[in-house]
Amino acid sequence: MFRKYKRVMLSTVACGVLATSSLYAQNDNIVNSIMKLRADVEALYTQIDDNKDIYKAEMKSYTMQSADSEAQINRQETAIKLADAELSTLQSKLAELSTKNESIKPLLLGAIDALRTTIKNGIPFKVDARLAELQTLQTNLIDDVITEEKALSLIWASYDDTIRLTKEIGLFKQEITLNGEPKLAKIAKIGSVMMYFATPDNQVGYVTKEGNGYTYNVVTDDENKAKIVALFDALQKQIRTGYFSLPNALVLTESK
């Protein structure tokens, strides 16, 4: 009887010990779960703070790009106004000289020189071809191959073409110098504000002004490359309006 009672007591004690161990194990699991949840919450808060910092940095960058774009557009509008004013001045001088029956050749040569300077300082779009046309016009005028009236008409058309290029958005081809080598490239021209290029060997990039010249910068990161490729695809499809996300490639055209 006593041995039976002893076994019952031992069984009861064993069950108590097992129950206590199970309770401790459950408590440990709960504590570990709480600690994990707390760590996850802290990680989320850290991620939220990081995302806030990234968002603020992006917004600051976009604000600066927007300000740069507005300043560049204002400069281009000013350049257009100056070109229009120059045309008006030329027209007034021509009218004055025509009433006096005087030669307008010196005035026309001055207009050619002024336009040549504008082309050299402007965006590097078909510069050699445009300057060559001006040189031919100047030579023909000096050698009396064409009349002053004909030269006037051609100069006027050249000024109009220069003004039109400041507003034109399109896809073109021209030779560029990339890493010291000439290459025939596709050109995406955004007025006279930005100019991107794409070469046959799949290099893409944009133009920036450095000192008195221009540099063709190759883009290597995948994100910006994809943006430029998307622009070329859109222009190839004759899509010239809409929202485009592009690398900041403002071309500063003021004289240095």
C-alpha atoms as a PDB file:
ATOM      1  CA  MET A   1       0.000   0.000   0.000  1.00  0.00           C
ATOM      2  CA  PHE A   2       2.764   2.346   0.936  1.00  0.00           C
ATOM      3  CA  ARG A   3       4.698   1.514  -2.230  1.00  0.00           C
ATOM      4  CA  LYS A   4       1.593   2.237  -4.315  1.00  0.00           C
ATOM      5  CA  TYR A   5       1.115   5.566  -2.583  1.00  0.00           C
ATOM      6  CA  LYS A   6       4.767   6.371  -3.128  1.00  0.00           C
ATOM      7  CA  ARG A   7       4.466   5.689  -6.848  1.00  0.00           C
ATOM      8  CA  VAL A   8       1.415   7.967  -7.045  1.00  0.00           C
ATOM      9  CA  MET A   9       3.309  10.745  -5.289  1.00  0.00           C
ATOM     10  CA  LEU A  10       6.287  10.346  -7.549  1.00  0.00           C
ATOM     11  CA  SER A  11       4.019  10.440 -10.595  1.00  0.00           C
ATOM     12  CA  THR A  12       2.341  13.593  -9.304  1.00  0.00           C
ATOM     13  CA  VAL A  13       5.691  15.272  -8.688  1.00  0.00           C
ATOM     14  CA  ALA A  14       6.919  14.245 -12.156  1.00  0.00           C
ATOM     15  CA  CYS A  15       3.786  15.662 -13.781  1.00  0.00           C
ATOM     16  CA  GLY A  16       4.282  18.871 -11.855  1.00  0.00           C
ATOM     17  CA  VAL A  17       7.860  19.147 -13.005  1.00  0.00           C
ATOM     18  CA  LEU A  18       6.864  18.470 -16.632  1.00  0.00           C
ATOM     19  CA  ALA A  19       4.072  21.048 -16.437  1.00  0.00           C
ATOM     20  CA  THR A  20       6.439  23.626 -15.001  1.00  0.00           C
ATOM     21  CA  SER A  21       9.024  22.909 -17.712  1.00  0.00           C
ATOM     22  CA  SER A  22       6.351  23.233 -20.401  1.00  0.00           C
ATOM     23  CA  LEU A  23       5.210  26.545 -18.915  1.00  0.00           C
ATOM     24  CA  TYR A  24       8.769  27.859 -18.902  1.00  0.00           C
ATOM     25  CA  ALA A  25       9.199  26.746 -22.523  1.00  0.00           C
ATOM     26  CA  GLN A  26       5.972  28.514 -23.520  1.00  0.00           C
ATOM     27  CA  ASN A  27       7.103  31.661 -21.704  1.00  0.00           C
ATOM     28  CA  ASP A  28      10.439  31.518 -23.516  1.00  0.00           C
ATOM     29  CA  ASN A  29       8.636  31.183 -26.848  1.00  0.00           C
ATOM     30  CA  ILE A  30       6.410  34.144 -26.042  1.00  0.00           C
ATOM     31  CA  VAL A  31       9.399  36.259 -24.968  1.00  0.00           C
ATOM     32  CA  ASN A  32      11.295  35.305 -28.111  1.00  0.00           C
ATOM     33  CA  SER A  33       8.257  36.136 -30.262  1.00  0.00           C
ATOM     34  CA  ILE A  34       7.859  39.511 -28.560  1.00  0.00           C
ATOM     35  CA  MET A  35      11.551  40.273 -29.014  1.00  0.00           C
ATOM     36  CA  LYS A  36      11.334  39.306 -32.689  1.00  0.00           C
ATOM     37  CA  LEU A  37       8.235  41.459 -33.183  1.00  0.00           C
ATOM     38  CA  ARG A  38       9.957  44.370 -31.461  1.00  0.00           C
ATOM     39  CA  ALA A  39      13.003  43.958 -33.688  1.00  0.00           C
ATOM     40  CA  ASP A  40      10.754  43.790 -36.783  1.00  0.00           C
ATOM     41  CA  VAL A  41       8.917  46.961 -35.710  1.00  0.00           C
ATOM     42  CA  GLU A  42      12.208  48.791 -35.104  1.00  0.00           C
ATOM     43  CA  ALA A  43      13.459  47.641 -38.523  1.00  0.00           C
ATOM     44  CA  LEU A  44      10.271  48.941 -40.122  1.00  0.00           C
ATOM     45  CA  TYR A  45      10.626  52.297 -38.383  1.00  0.00           C
ATOM     46  CA  THR A  46      14.237  52.478 -39.574  1.00  0.00           C
ATOM     47  CA  GLN A  47      13.131  51.650 -43.113  1.00  0.00           C
ATOM     48  CA  ILE A  48      10.415  54.305 -42.936  1.00  0.00           C
ATOM     49  CA  ASP A  49      12.963  56.897 -41.785  1.00  0.00           C
ATOM     50  CA  ASP A  50      15.331  55.853 -44.578  1.00  0.00           C
ATOM     51  CA  ASN A  51      12.527  56.110 -47.146  1.00  0.00           C
ATOM     52  CA  LYS A  52      11.657  59.565 -45.830  1.00  0.00           C
ATOM     53  CA  ASP A  53      15.267  60.674 -46.248  1.00  0.00           C
ATOM     54  CA  ILE A  54      15.387  59.216 -49.780  1.00  0.00           C
ATOM     55  CA  TYR A  55      12.094  60.919 -50.666  1.00  0.00           C
ATOM     56  CA  LYS A  56      13.319  64.268 -49.317  1.00  0.00           C
ATOM     57  CA  ALA A  57      16.569  63.931 -51.285  1.00  0.00           C
ATOM     58  CA  GLU A  58      14.665  63.054 -54.472  1.00  0.00           C
ATOM     59  CA  MET A  59      12.265  65.964 -54.031  1.00  0.00           C
ATOM     60  CA  LYS A  60      15.205  68.313 -53.453  1.00  0.00           C
ATOM     61  CA  SER A  61      16.872  66.994 -56.600  1.00  0.00           C
ATOM     62  CA  TYR A  62      13.657  67.364 -58.628  1.00  0.00           C
ATOM     63  CA  THR A  63      13.182  70.901 -57.304  1.00  0.00           C
ATOM     64  CA  MET A  64      16.736  71.835 -58.324  1.00  0.00           C
ATOM     65  CA  GLN A  65      16.264  70.251 -61.759  1.00  0.00           C
ATOM     66  CA  SER A  66      12.987  72.117 -62.191  1.00  0.00           C
ATOM     67  CA  ALA A  67      14.656  75.406 -61.265  1.00  0.00           C
ATOM     68  CA  ASP A  68      17.510  74.679 -63.685  1.00  0.00           C
ATOM     69  CA  SER A  69      15.033  73.831 -66.432  1.00  0.00           C
ATOM     70  CA  GLU A  70      13.060  77.034 -65.872  1.00  0.00           C
ATOM     71  CA  ALA A  71      16.264  79.087 -65.909  1.00  0.00           C
ATOM     72  CA  GLN A  72      17.403  77.390 -69.112  1.00  0.00           C
ATOM     73  CA  ILE A  73      14.015  77.928 -70.769  1.00  0.00           C
ATOM     74  CA  ASN A  74      14.118  81.591 -69.744  1.00  0.00           C
ATOM     75  CA  ARG A  75      17.559  81.904 -71.327  1.00  0.00           C
ATOM     76  CA  GLN A  76      16.294  80.340 -74.526  1.00  0.00           C
ATOM     77  CA  GLU A  77      13.271  82.636 -74.594  1.00  0.00           C
ATOM     78  CA  THR A  78      15.624  85.570 -74.119  1.00  0.00           C
ATOM     79  CA  ALA A  79      17.813  84.314 -76.990  1.00  0.00           C
ATOM     80  CA  ILE A  80      14.745  84.072 -79.228  1.00  0.00           C
ATOM     81  CA  LYS A  81      13.691  87.592 -78.301  1.00  0.00           C
ATOM     82  CA  LEU A  82      17.200  88.877 -79.037  1.00  0.00           C
ATOM     83  CA  ALA A  83      17.167  87.159 -82.423  1.00  0.00           C
ATOM     84  CA  ASP A  84      13.775  88.701 -83.205  1.00  0.00           C
ATOM     85  CA  ALA A  85      15.059  92.110 -82.115  1.00  0.00           C
ATOM     86  CA  GLU A  86      18.122  91.677 -84.302  1.00  0.00           C
ATOM     87  CA  LEU A  87      15.921  90.845 -87.257  1.00  0.00           C
ATOM     88  CA  SER A  88      13.778  93.913 -86.594  1.00  0.00           C
ATOM     89  CA  THR A  89      16.876  96.102 -86.386  1.00  0.00           C
ATOM     90  CA  LEU A  90      18.176  94.637 -89.625  1.00  0.00           C
ATOM     91  CA  GLN A  91      14.846  95.259 -91.295  1.00  0.00           C
ATOM     92  CA  SER A  92      14.840  98.897 -90.185  1.00  0.00           C
ATOM     93  CA  LYS A  93      18.391  99.461 -91.423  1.00  0.00           C
ATOM     94  CA  LEU A  94      17.549  97.833 -94.734  1.00  0.00           C
ATOM     95  CA  ALA A  95      14.543 100.058 -95.180  1.00  0.00           C
ATOM     96  CA  GLU A  96      16.656 103.129 -94.395  1.00  0.00           C
ATOM     97  CA  LEU A  97      19.418 102.132 -96.817  1.00  0.00           C
ATOM     98  CA  SER A  98      17.002 101.257 -99.594  1.00  0.00           C
ATOM     99  CA  THR A  99      15.588 104.779 -99.522  1.00  0.00           C
ATOM    100  CA  LYS A 100      19.111 106.156 -99.949  1.00  0.00           C
ATOM    101  CA  ASN A 101      19.987 103.702-102.737  1.00  0.00           C
ATOM    102  CA  GLU A 102      23.100 102.624-100.811  1.00  0.00           C
ATOM    103  CA  SER A 103      24.728  99.189-100.850  1.00  0.00           C
ATOM    104  CA  ILE A 104      23.560  96.916 -98.067  1.00  0.00           C
ATOM    105  CA  LYS A 105      26.449  94.465 -98.487  1.00  0.00           C
ATOM    106  CA  PRO A 106      28.309  95.589 -95.301  1.00  0.00           C
ATOM    107  CA  LEU A 107      25.116  95.212 -93.324  1.00  0.00           C
ATOM    108  CA  LEU A 108      24.503  91.731 -94.762  1.00  0.00           C
ATOM    109  CA  LEU A 109      28.058  90.638 -93.980  1.00  0.00           C
ATOM    110  CA  GLY A 110      27.601  91.864 -90.400  1.00  0.00           C
ATOM    111  CA  ALA A 111      24.383  89.859 -90.124  1.00  0.00           C
ATOM    112  CA  ILE A 112      26.217  86.748 -91.352  1.00  0.00           C
ATOM    113  CA  ASP A 113      28.957  87.230 -88.747  1.00  0.00           C
ATOM    114  CA  ALA A 114      26.385  87.675 -85.971  1.00  0.00           C
ATOM    115  CA  LEU A 115      24.554  84.510 -87.016  1.00  0.00           C
ATOM    116  CA  ARG A 116      27.840  82.600 -87.210  1.00  0.00           C
ATOM    117  CA  THR A 117      28.563  83.537 -83.568  1.00  0.00           C
ATOM    118  CA  THR A 118      25.084  82.432 -82.525  1.00  0.00           C
ATOM    119  CA  ILE A 119      25.518  79.030 -84.169  1.00  0.00           C
ATOM    120  CA  LYS A 120      28.950  78.481 -82.607  1.00  0.00           C
ATOM    121  CA  ASN A 121      27.684  79.319 -79.123  1.00  0.00           C
ATOM    122  CA  GLY A 122      24.475  77.324 -79.493  1.00  0.00           C
ATOM    123  CA  ILE A 123      23.685  73.648 -79.124  1.00  0.00           C
ATOM    124  CA  PRO A 124      26.055  71.464 -81.223  1.00  0.00           C
ATOM    125  CA  PHE A 125      23.425  70.477 -83.755  1.00  0.00           C
ATOM    126  CA  LYS A 126      24.729  70.144 -87.341  1.00  0.00           C
ATOM    127  CA  VAL A 127      27.084  73.033 -86.615  1.00  0.00           C
ATOM    128  CA  ASP A 128      29.587  72.247 -89.389  1.00  0.00           C
ATOM    129  CA  ALA A 129      26.892  72.061 -92.058  1.00  0.00           C
ATOM    130  CA  ARG A 130      25.203  75.259 -90.913  1.00  0.00           C
ATOM    131  CA  LEU A 131      28.503  77.160 -90.765  1.00  0.00           C
ATOM    132  CA  ALA A 132      29.482  75.839 -94.198  1.00  0.00           C
ATOM    133  CA  GLU A 133      26.228  77.192 -95.652  1.00  0.00           C
ATOM    134  CA  LEU A 134      26.928  80.585 -94.107  1.00  0.00           C
ATOM    135  CA  GLN A 135      30.469  80.577 -95.478  1.00  0.00           C
ATOM    136  CA  THR A 136      29.202  79.781 -98.979  1.00  0.00           C
ATOM    137  CA  LEU A 137      26.646  82.552 -98.681  1.00  0.00           C
ATOM    138  CA  GLN A 138      29.281  85.015 -97.501  1.00  0.00           C
ATOM    139  CA  THR A 139      31.684  84.084-100.303  1.00  0.00           C
ATOM    140  CA  ASN A 140      28.992  84.354-102.964  1.00  0.00           C
ATOM    141  CA  LEU A 141      27.945  87.751-101.628  1.00  0.00           C
ATOM    142  CA  ILE A 142      31.504  89.100-101.572  1.00  0.00           C
ATOM    143  CA  ASP A 143      32.226  87.790-105.083  1.00  0.00           C
ATOM    144  CA  ASP A 144      28.895  89.131-106.413  1.00  0.00           C
ATOM    145  CA  VAL A 145      27.820  85.624-107.400  1.00  0.00           C
ATOM    146  CA  ILE A 146      24.414  86.480-105.947  1.00  0.00           C
ATOM    147  CA  THR A 147      22.687  89.829-105.665  1.00  0.00           C
ATOM    148  CA  GLU A 148      22.286  91.644-102.384  1.00  0.00           C
ATOM    149  CA  GLU A 149      18.529  91.032-102.553  1.00  0.00           C
ATOM    150  CA  LYS A 150      19.090  87.269-102.951  1.00  0.00           C
ATOM    151  CA  ALA A 151      21.624  87.279-100.108  1.00  0.00           C
ATOM    152  CA  LEU A 152      19.147  89.126 -97.910  1.00  0.00           C
ATOM    153  CA  SER A 153      16.503  86.483 -98.577  1.00  0.00           C
ATOM    154  CA  LEU A 154      18.913  83.644 -97.736  1.00  0.00           C
ATOM    155  CA  ILE A 155      20.171  85.341 -94.563  1.00  0.00           C
ATOM    156  CA  TRP A 156      16.623  85.938 -93.456  1.00  0.00           C
ATOM    157  CA  ALA A 157      15.818  82.256 -93.987  1.00  0.00           C
ATOM    158  CA  SER A 158      18.909  81.283 -91.956  1.00  0.00           C
ATOM    159  CA  TYR A 159      17.783  83.423 -89.031  1.00  0.00           C
ATOM    160  CA  ASP A 160      14.307  81.917 -89.203  1.00  0.00           C
ATOM    161  CA  ASP A 161      15.840  78.433 -89.241  1.00  0.00           C
ATOM    162  CA  THR A 162      17.962  79.209 -86.194  1.00  0.00           C
ATOM    163  CA  ILE A 163      14.928  80.440 -84.270  1.00  0.00           C
ATOM    164  CA  ARG A 164      12.941  77.367 -85.333  1.00  0.00           C
ATOM    165  CA  LEU A 165      15.674  75.041 -84.037  1.00  0.00           C
ATOM    166  CA  THR A 166      15.334  76.527 -80.538  1.00  0.00           C
ATOM    167  CA  LYS A 167      11.778  75.148 -80.396  1.00  0.00           C
ATOM    168  CA  GLU A 168      12.042  71.980 -82.465  1.00  0.00           C
ATOM    169  CA  ILE A 169      11.870  68.510 -80.871  1.00  0.00           C
ATOM    170  CA  GLY A 170      12.870  65.612 -83.076  1.00  0.00           C
ATOM    171  CA  LEU A 171      15.102  62.733 -84.052  1.00  0.00           C
ATOM    172  CA  PHE A 172      18.056  63.326 -86.381  1.00  0.00           C
ATOM    173  CA  LYS A 173      21.418  61.880 -87.441  1.00  0.00           C
ATOM    174  CA  GLN A 174      24.795  63.548 -87.330  1.00  0.00           C
ATOM    175  CA  GLU A 175      28.454  62.775 -86.756  1.00  0.00           C
ATOM    176  CA  ILE A 176      29.716  63.241 -83.216  1.00  0.00           C
ATOM    177  CA  THR A 177      33.125  62.848 -81.593  1.00  0.00           C
ATOM    178  CA  LEU A 178      33.018  60.251 -78.817  1.00  0.00           C
ATOM    179  CA  ASN A 179      36.191  59.424 -76.889  1.00  0.00           C
ATOM    180  CA  GLY A 180      38.201  61.054 -79.656  1.00  0.00           C
ATOM    181  CA  GLU A 181      36.570  59.009 -82.418  1.00  0.00           C
ATOM    182  CA  PRO A 182      34.016  60.257 -84.987  1.00  0.00           C
ATOM    183  CA  LYS A 183      30.774  58.300 -84.975  1.00  0.00           C
ATOM    184  CA  LEU A 184      27.508  58.654 -86.866  1.00  0.00           C
ATOM    185  CA  ALA A 185      24.851  58.823 -84.167  1.00  0.00           C
ATOM    186  CA  LYS A 186      21.154  59.340 -83.740  1.00  0.00           C
ATOM    187  CA  ILE A 187      20.380  62.651 -82.069  1.00  0.00           C
ATOM    188  CA  ALA A 188      17.333  63.410 -79.935  1.00  0.00           C
ATOM    189  CA  LYS A 189      17.092  67.197 -79.766  1.00  0.00           C
ATOM    190  CA  ILE A 190      14.814  68.883 -77.212  1.00  0.00           C
ATOM    191  CA  GLY A 191      14.736  72.391 -78.643  1.00  0.00           C
ATOM    192  CA  SER A 192      18.056  73.978 -77.741  1.00  0.00           C
ATOM    193  CA  VAL A 193      17.757  72.909 -74.111  1.00  0.00           C
ATOM    194  CA  MET A 194      18.825  69.248 -74.167  1.00  0.00           C
ATOM    195  CA  MET A 195      20.446  66.913 -76.664  1.00  0.00           C
ATOM    196  CA  TYR A 196      20.841  63.130 -76.350  1.00  0.00           C
ATOM    197  CA  PHE A 197      22.665  60.668 -78.602  1.00  0.00           C
ATOM    198  CA  ALA A 198      22.657  56.952 -79.425  1.00  0.00           C
ATOM    199  CA  THR A 199      25.423  55.218 -81.380  1.00  0.00           C
ATOM    200  CA  PRO A 200      25.226  52.044 -83.511  1.00  0.00           C
ATOM    201  CA  ASP A 201      27.220  50.166 -80.827  1.00  0.00           C
ATOM    202  CA  ASN A 202      24.448  50.866 -78.263  1.00  0.00           C
ATOM    203  CA  GLN A 203      26.152  53.693 -76.399  1.00  0.00           C
ATOM    204  CA  VAL A 204      23.772  56.419 -75.219  1.00  0.00           C
ATOM    205  CA  GLY A 205      24.307  59.704 -73.450  1.00  0.00           C
ATOM    206  CA  TYR A 206      23.849  63.450 -73.525  1.00  0.00           C
ATOM    207  CA  VAL A 207      25.631  66.696 -74.339  1.00  0.00           C
ATOM    208  CA  THR A 208      26.904  69.258 -71.855  1.00  0.00           C
ATOM    209  CA  LYS A 209      28.807  72.473 -72.363  1.00  0.00           C
ATOM    210  CA  GLU A 210      32.276  72.766 -70.886  1.00  0.00           C
ATOM    211  CA  GLY A 211      34.086  76.059 -71.366  1.00  0.00           C
ATOM    212  CA  ASN A 212      33.831  77.068 -75.010  1.00  0.00           C
ATOM    213  CA  GLY A 213      33.100  73.542 -76.252  1.00  0.00           C
ATOM    214  CA  TYR A 214      30.726  70.644 -75.800  1.00  0.00           C
ATOM    215  CA  THR A 215      31.237  67.174 -74.346  1.00  0.00           C
ATOM    216  CA  TYR A 216      29.356  63.984 -75.226  1.00  0.00           C
ATOM    217  CA  ASN A 217      28.828  62.105 -71.957  1.00  0.00           C
ATOM    218  CA  VAL A 218      28.174  58.349 -72.139  1.00  0.00           C
ATOM    219  CA  VAL A 219      25.598  57.043 -69.640  1.00  0.00           C
ATOM    220  CA  THR A 220      26.530  53.711 -68.066  1.00  0.00           C
ATOM    221  CA  ASP A 221      23.937  53.037 -65.351  1.00  0.00           C
ATOM    222  CA  ASP A 222      20.992  50.892 -66.464  1.00  0.00           C
ATOM    223  CA  GLU A 223      18.255  53.195 -65.128  1.00  0.00           C
ATOM    224  CA  ASN A 224      19.303  56.298 -67.064  1.00  0.00           C
ATOM    225  CA  LYS A 225      20.155  54.251 -70.155  1.00  0.00           C
ATOM    226  CA  ALA A 226      16.593  52.891 -70.146  1.00  0.00           C
ATOM    227  CA  LYS A 227      15.200  56.435 -69.874  1.00  0.00           C
ATOM    228  CA  ILE A 228      17.199  57.654 -72.879  1.00  0.00           C
ATOM    229  CA  VAL A 229      16.291  54.582 -74.942  1.00  0.00           C
ATOM    230  CA  ALA A 230      12.613  55.209 -74.124  1.00  0.00           C
ATOM    231  CA  LEU A 231      12.956  58.792 -75.418  1.00  0.00           C
ATOM    232  CA  PHE A 232      14.430  57.601 -78.719  1.00  0.00           C
ATOM    233  CA  ASP A 233      11.664  54.990 -79.067  1.00  0.00           C
ATOM    234  CA  ALA A 234       8.998  57.654 -78.485  1.00  0.00           C
ATOM    235  CA  LEU A 235      10.497  60.063 -81.014  1.00  0.00           C
ATOM    236  CA  GLN A 236      10.858  57.217 -83.515  1.00  0.00           C
ATOM    237  CA  LYS A 237       7.097  56.715 -83.149  1.00  0.00           C
ATOM    238  CA  GLN A 238       6.519  60.461 -83.679  1.00  0.00           C
ATOM    239  CA  ILE A 239       5.533  60.926 -80.019  1.00  0.00           C
ATOM    240  CA  ARG A 240       6.751  64.408 -79.120  1.00  0.00           C
ATOM    241  CA  THR A 241       4.440  65.291 -76.245  1.00  0.00           C
ATOM    242  CA  GLY A 242       3.823  63.639 -72.892  1.00  0.00           C
ATOM    243  CA  TYR A 243       5.691  62.901 -69.691  1.00  0.00           C
ATOM    244  CA  PHE A 244       9.297  61.733 -70.012  1.00  0.00           C
ATOM    245  CA  SER A 245      11.641  60.933 -67.151  1.00  0.00           C
ATOM    246  CA  LEU A 246      15.164  61.821 -68.351  1.00  0.00           C
ATOM    247  CA  PRO A 247      18.643  62.331 -66.924  1.00  0.00           C
ATOM    248  CA  ASN A 248      19.311  65.986 -66.225  1.00  0.00           C
ATOM    249  CA  ALA A 249      21.150  67.063 -69.371  1.00  0.00           C
ATOM    250  CA  LEU A 250      20.610  70.791 -69.641  1.00  0.00           C
ATOM    251  CA  VAL A 251      22.866  72.399 -72.212  1.00  0.00           C
ATOM    252  CA  LEU A 252      24.055  75.791 -71.029  1.00  0.00           C
ATOM    253  CA  THR A 253      24.288  77.953 -74.118  1.00  0.00           C
ATOM    254  CA  GLU A 254      25.387  81.282 -72.780  1.00  0.00           C
ATOM    255  CA  SER A 255      28.816  82.498 -73.780  1.00  0.00           C
ATOM    256  CA  LYS A 256      31.626  81.655 -71.412  1.00  0.00           C
END
